[in-house]
Amino acid sequence: MSAKRPYIVGLTGGIGSGKSAATDHFAALGASVVDTDRIAHELTAPGGGAIEAIHVAFGDAMIAPDGRLDRAAMRALAFREPDARRRLEAILHPLIRAESARQCLAASGPYVILAVPLLVESGGYRERCDRICVVDCPEALQVARVRARSGLVDEQIRAIMAAQASRAQRLAAADDVLDNAGTLASLHAQVDRLHAAYLAAATH
């Protein structure tokens, strides 16, 4: 790996934990952010790098009229057939890993926040990170947040959570934990402290 590789903090958390709120504040403080969710959306947008392979693998039913991945249809299929999610991941994950590595090397900030929802579950990310930061909150709060923002029912939300690492597994992998059970101001204060620590580590 190039000696120019930046200091990389892998940031993760379960659905509804508040990863985006934490990532946004790190970005506001000057960190470079490489967001694998954003990369996945770009790959599955009209004309995206994964669309042709998804079309071949799943057919017309999973492609929306405008040419993007029909996420609702795919979510419903994966809910019925767990193997569908694995097949989609087999297409997306190598592309996401390659693009995230490219963006990390191109980053201009003092350090990189590599935001990976499935960091604990996915091979190939942890060894790229100098630190692992987990955004954490109680599972009941995750469910309530996702229900409020997405319109999914609790059964669907808990199915998504069941497909992710458990809260205990994420915490076991963490070097740093952001407790997001409280207010946004509390989360920001914690991010401020970690930013100072990461900045110091990155510049030594």
Protein backbone atom coordinates (compact mmCIF):
# COMPACT_ATOMS: atom_id res chain seq x y z
CA MET A 1 0.00 0.00 0.00
CA SER A 2 1.27 3.47 -0.81
CA ALA A 3 3.10 5.38 1.92
CA LYS A 4 0.80 8.28 1.06
CA ARG A 5 -2.22 6.46 2.44
CA PRO A 6 -4.07 8.88 4.73
CA TYR A 7 -5.05 8.23 8.32
CA ILE A 8 -8.38 6.40 8.01
CA VAL A 9 -11.12 6.11 10.62
CA GLY A 10 -13.73 3.51 9.79
CA LEU A 11 -17.12 4.72 11.00
CA THR A 12 -20.05 2.35 11.34
CA GLY A 13 -23.28 1.73 13.20
CA GLY A 14 -26.57 -0.06 12.78
CA ILE A 15 -29.47 1.32 10.77
CA GLY A 16 -30.98 4.32 12.56
CA SER A 17 -27.99 4.77 14.87
CA GLY A 18 -27.13 8.22 13.53
CA LYS A 19 -24.14 7.53 11.31
CA SER A 20 -25.07 10.35 8.94
CA ALA A 21 -25.36 12.91 11.74
CA ALA A 22 -21.92 11.95 13.03
CA THR A 23 -20.37 11.87 9.56
CA ASP A 24 -21.82 15.26 8.67
CA HIS A 25 -20.25 16.83 11.75
CA PHE A 26 -16.85 15.26 11.07
CA ALA A 27 -17.10 16.73 7.56
CA ALA A 28 -18.02 20.16 8.97
CA LEU A 29 -14.87 20.01 11.10
CA GLY A 30 -12.73 19.42 8.01
CA ALA A 31 -12.37 15.64 7.74
CA SER A 32 -12.62 14.07 4.32
CA VAL A 33 -15.59 11.70 4.15
CA VAL A 34 -15.77 8.63 1.94
CA ASP A 35 -19.30 7.25 2.25
CA THR A 36 -19.89 3.77 0.87
CA ASP A 37 -23.67 4.30 0.94
CA ARG A 38 -23.24 7.31 -1.35
CA ILE A 39 -21.00 5.26 -3.65
CA ALA A 40 -23.65 2.50 -3.73
CA HIS A 41 -26.30 5.04 -4.73
CA GLU A 42 -24.07 6.35 -7.53
CA LEU A 43 -23.42 2.81 -8.78
CA THR A 44 -27.17 2.08 -8.84
CA ALA A 45 -28.28 5.41 -10.34
CA PRO A 46 -29.33 5.60 -14.01
CA GLY A 47 -26.25 4.65 -16.02
CA GLY A 48 -24.37 3.69 -12.85
CA GLY A 49 -21.55 1.19 -12.95
CA ALA A 50 -23.60 -1.64 -11.42
CA ILE A 51 -26.88 -1.24 -13.32
CA GLU A 52 -26.08 -3.52 -16.25
CA ALA A 53 -24.96 -6.38 -13.97
CA ILE A 54 -28.04 -5.93 -11.76
CA HIS A 55 -30.29 -5.97 -14.82
CA VAL A 56 -28.68 -9.20 -16.05
CA ALA A 57 -28.91 -10.83 -12.62
CA PHE A 58 -32.42 -9.76 -11.64
CA GLY A 59 -34.25 -8.71 -14.79
CA ASP A 60 -36.49 -5.78 -15.65
CA ALA A 61 -38.47 -5.95 -12.39
CA MET A 62 -35.61 -4.52 -10.35
CA ILE A 63 -34.94 -1.56 -12.66
CA ALA A 64 -37.13 1.54 -12.25
CA PRO A 65 -38.54 3.31 -15.34
CA ASP A 66 -35.81 5.98 -15.14
CA GLY A 67 -33.06 3.34 -15.23
CA ARG A 68 -32.05 3.26 -11.60
CA LEU A 69 -32.22 0.31 -9.20
CA ASP A 70 -35.77 0.02 -7.86
CA ARG A 71 -34.80 -0.05 -4.20
CA ALA A 72 -38.30 -0.74 -2.91
CA ALA A 73 -38.68 -3.72 -5.24
CA MET A 74 -35.23 -5.02 -4.31
CA ARG A 75 -35.94 -4.56 -0.60
CA ALA A 76 -39.16 -6.54 -0.96
CA LEU A 77 -37.39 -9.29 -2.92
CA ALA A 78 -34.56 -9.51 -0.38
CA PHE A 79 -37.12 -9.66 2.42
CA ARG A 80 -38.73 -12.69 0.73
CA GLU A 81 -35.53 -14.27 -0.57
CA PRO A 82 -32.38 -13.70 1.54
CA ASP A 83 -30.28 -15.07 -1.32
CA ALA A 84 -31.27 -12.05 -3.43
CA ARG A 85 -29.47 -9.73 -1.02
CA ARG A 86 -26.33 -11.87 -1.24
CA ARG A 87 -26.47 -11.82 -5.03
CA LEU A 88 -26.83 -8.04 -5.06
CA GLU A 89 -23.95 -7.65 -2.61
CA ALA A 90 -21.75 -9.88 -4.79
CA ILE A 91 -22.24 -7.34 -7.59
CA LEU A 92 -21.97 -4.17 -5.53
CA HIS A 93 -19.35 -4.86 -2.87
CA PRO A 94 -16.28 -5.27 -5.12
CA LEU A 95 -17.20 -2.07 -6.99
CA ILE A 96 -17.76 -0.18 -3.74
CA ARG A 97 -14.47 -1.39 -2.23
CA ALA A 98 -12.52 -0.30 -5.30
CA GLU A 99 -14.13 3.13 -5.52
CA SER A 100 -13.85 3.80 -1.78
CA ALA A 101 -10.14 2.91 -1.89
CA ARG A 102 -9.66 5.34 -4.78
CA GLN A 103 -11.48 8.12 -2.93
CA CYS A 104 -9.49 7.53 0.26
CA LEU A 105 -6.20 7.93 -1.63
CA ALA A 106 -7.49 11.07 -3.35
CA ALA A 107 -8.76 12.69 -0.13
CA SER A 108 -7.36 16.11 0.73
CA GLY A 109 -8.44 16.46 4.38
CA PRO A 110 -6.18 15.83 7.38
CA TYR A 111 -7.75 12.38 7.81
CA VAL A 112 -10.52 10.30 6.26
CA ILE A 113 -13.81 9.16 7.76
CA LEU A 114 -14.60 5.97 5.84
CA ALA A 115 -18.31 5.47 6.53
CA VAL A 116 -19.26 1.82 6.03
CA PRO A 117 -22.64 0.61 7.37
CA LEU A 118 -21.53 -3.03 7.17
CA LEU A 119 -17.91 -2.48 8.21
CA VAL A 120 -17.99 -5.18 10.90
CA GLU A 121 -19.72 -7.65 8.57
CA SER A 122 -17.69 -7.02 5.40
CA GLY A 123 -14.20 -8.23 4.84
CA GLY A 124 -11.70 -5.87 3.30
CA TYR A 125 -12.41 -2.71 5.29
CA ARG A 126 -11.13 -3.21 8.82
CA GLU A 127 -7.52 -3.72 7.74
CA ARG A 128 -7.72 -0.44 5.80
CA CYS A 129 -8.60 1.53 8.95
CA ASP A 130 -6.36 2.95 11.67
CA ARG A 131 -9.32 3.26 14.06
CA ILE A 132 -12.86 1.94 14.18
CA CYS A 133 -15.54 4.35 15.46
CA VAL A 134 -19.02 2.97 16.21
CA VAL A 135 -22.12 5.14 16.48
CA ASP A 136 -24.27 3.41 19.09
CA CYS A 137 -27.78 3.66 20.52
CA PRO A 138 -30.32 1.23 21.99
CA GLU A 139 -32.06 -1.02 19.48
CA ALA A 140 -35.52 0.31 20.37
CA LEU A 141 -34.33 3.79 19.45
CA GLN A 142 -32.96 2.49 16.12
CA VAL A 143 -36.37 1.03 15.29
CA ALA A 144 -38.21 4.21 16.26
CA ARG A 145 -35.89 6.42 14.18
CA VAL A 146 -36.10 4.25 11.08
CA ARG A 147 -39.88 3.93 11.35
CA ALA A 148 -40.20 7.73 11.59
CA ARG A 149 -38.03 8.45 8.55
CA SER A 150 -38.78 5.57 6.21
CA GLY A 151 -42.32 4.36 6.67
CA LEU A 152 -41.09 0.78 7.02
CA VAL A 153 -42.95 -1.40 9.49
CA ASP A 154 -41.21 -2.81 12.56
CA GLU A 155 -41.00 -6.31 11.04
CA GLN A 156 -39.08 -4.96 8.05
CA ILE A 157 -36.81 -2.83 10.23
CA ARG A 158 -35.98 -5.73 12.52
CA ALA A 159 -35.27 -7.93 9.49
CA ILE A 160 -32.74 -5.34 8.29
CA MET A 161 -31.21 -5.21 11.77
CA ALA A 162 -31.05 -9.01 11.92
CA ALA A 163 -29.03 -9.01 8.69
CA GLN A 164 -26.49 -6.63 10.26
CA ALA A 165 -23.95 -7.33 12.97
CA SER A 166 -25.40 -7.25 16.46
CA ARG A 167 -24.93 -4.24 18.69
CA ALA A 168 -22.55 -6.31 20.84
CA GLN A 169 -20.47 -7.33 17.81
CA ARG A 170 -20.10 -3.73 16.69
CA LEU A 171 -19.12 -2.53 20.16
CA ALA A 172 -16.57 -5.35 20.43
CA ALA A 173 -14.93 -4.13 17.21
CA ALA A 174 -14.86 -0.46 18.27
CA ASP A 175 -11.82 1.57 19.23
CA ASP A 176 -14.08 4.56 19.85
CA VAL A 177 -17.82 4.76 20.57
CA LEU A 178 -20.16 7.68 19.92
CA ASP A 179 -23.19 7.38 22.20
CA ASN A 180 -26.12 8.68 20.16
CA ALA A 181 -28.93 7.94 22.61
CA GLY A 182 -29.15 11.61 23.55
CA THR A 183 -29.31 14.97 21.81
CA LEU A 184 -27.63 16.10 18.60
CA ALA A 185 -25.62 18.58 20.68
CA SER A 186 -24.30 15.70 22.79
CA LEU A 187 -23.31 13.78 19.66
CA HIS A 188 -21.56 16.83 18.23
CA ALA A 189 -19.58 17.34 21.46
CA GLN A 190 -18.37 13.75 21.30
CA VAL A 191 -17.42 14.15 17.63
CA ASP A 192 -15.50 17.32 18.51
CA ARG A 193 -13.40 15.36 21.02
CA LEU A 194 -12.69 12.52 18.61
CA HIS A 195 -11.86 14.96 15.82
CA ALA A 196 -9.15 16.49 18.00
CA ALA A 197 -7.76 13.02 18.75
CA TYR A 198 -7.82 11.91 15.12
CA LEU A 199 -6.22 15.15 14.00
CA ALA A 200 -3.39 14.64 16.48
CA ALA A 201 -2.91 11.02 15.43
CA ALA A 202 -2.97 11.86 11.73
CA THR A 203 -0.35 14.58 11.98
CA HIS A 204 2.18 12.65 14.05
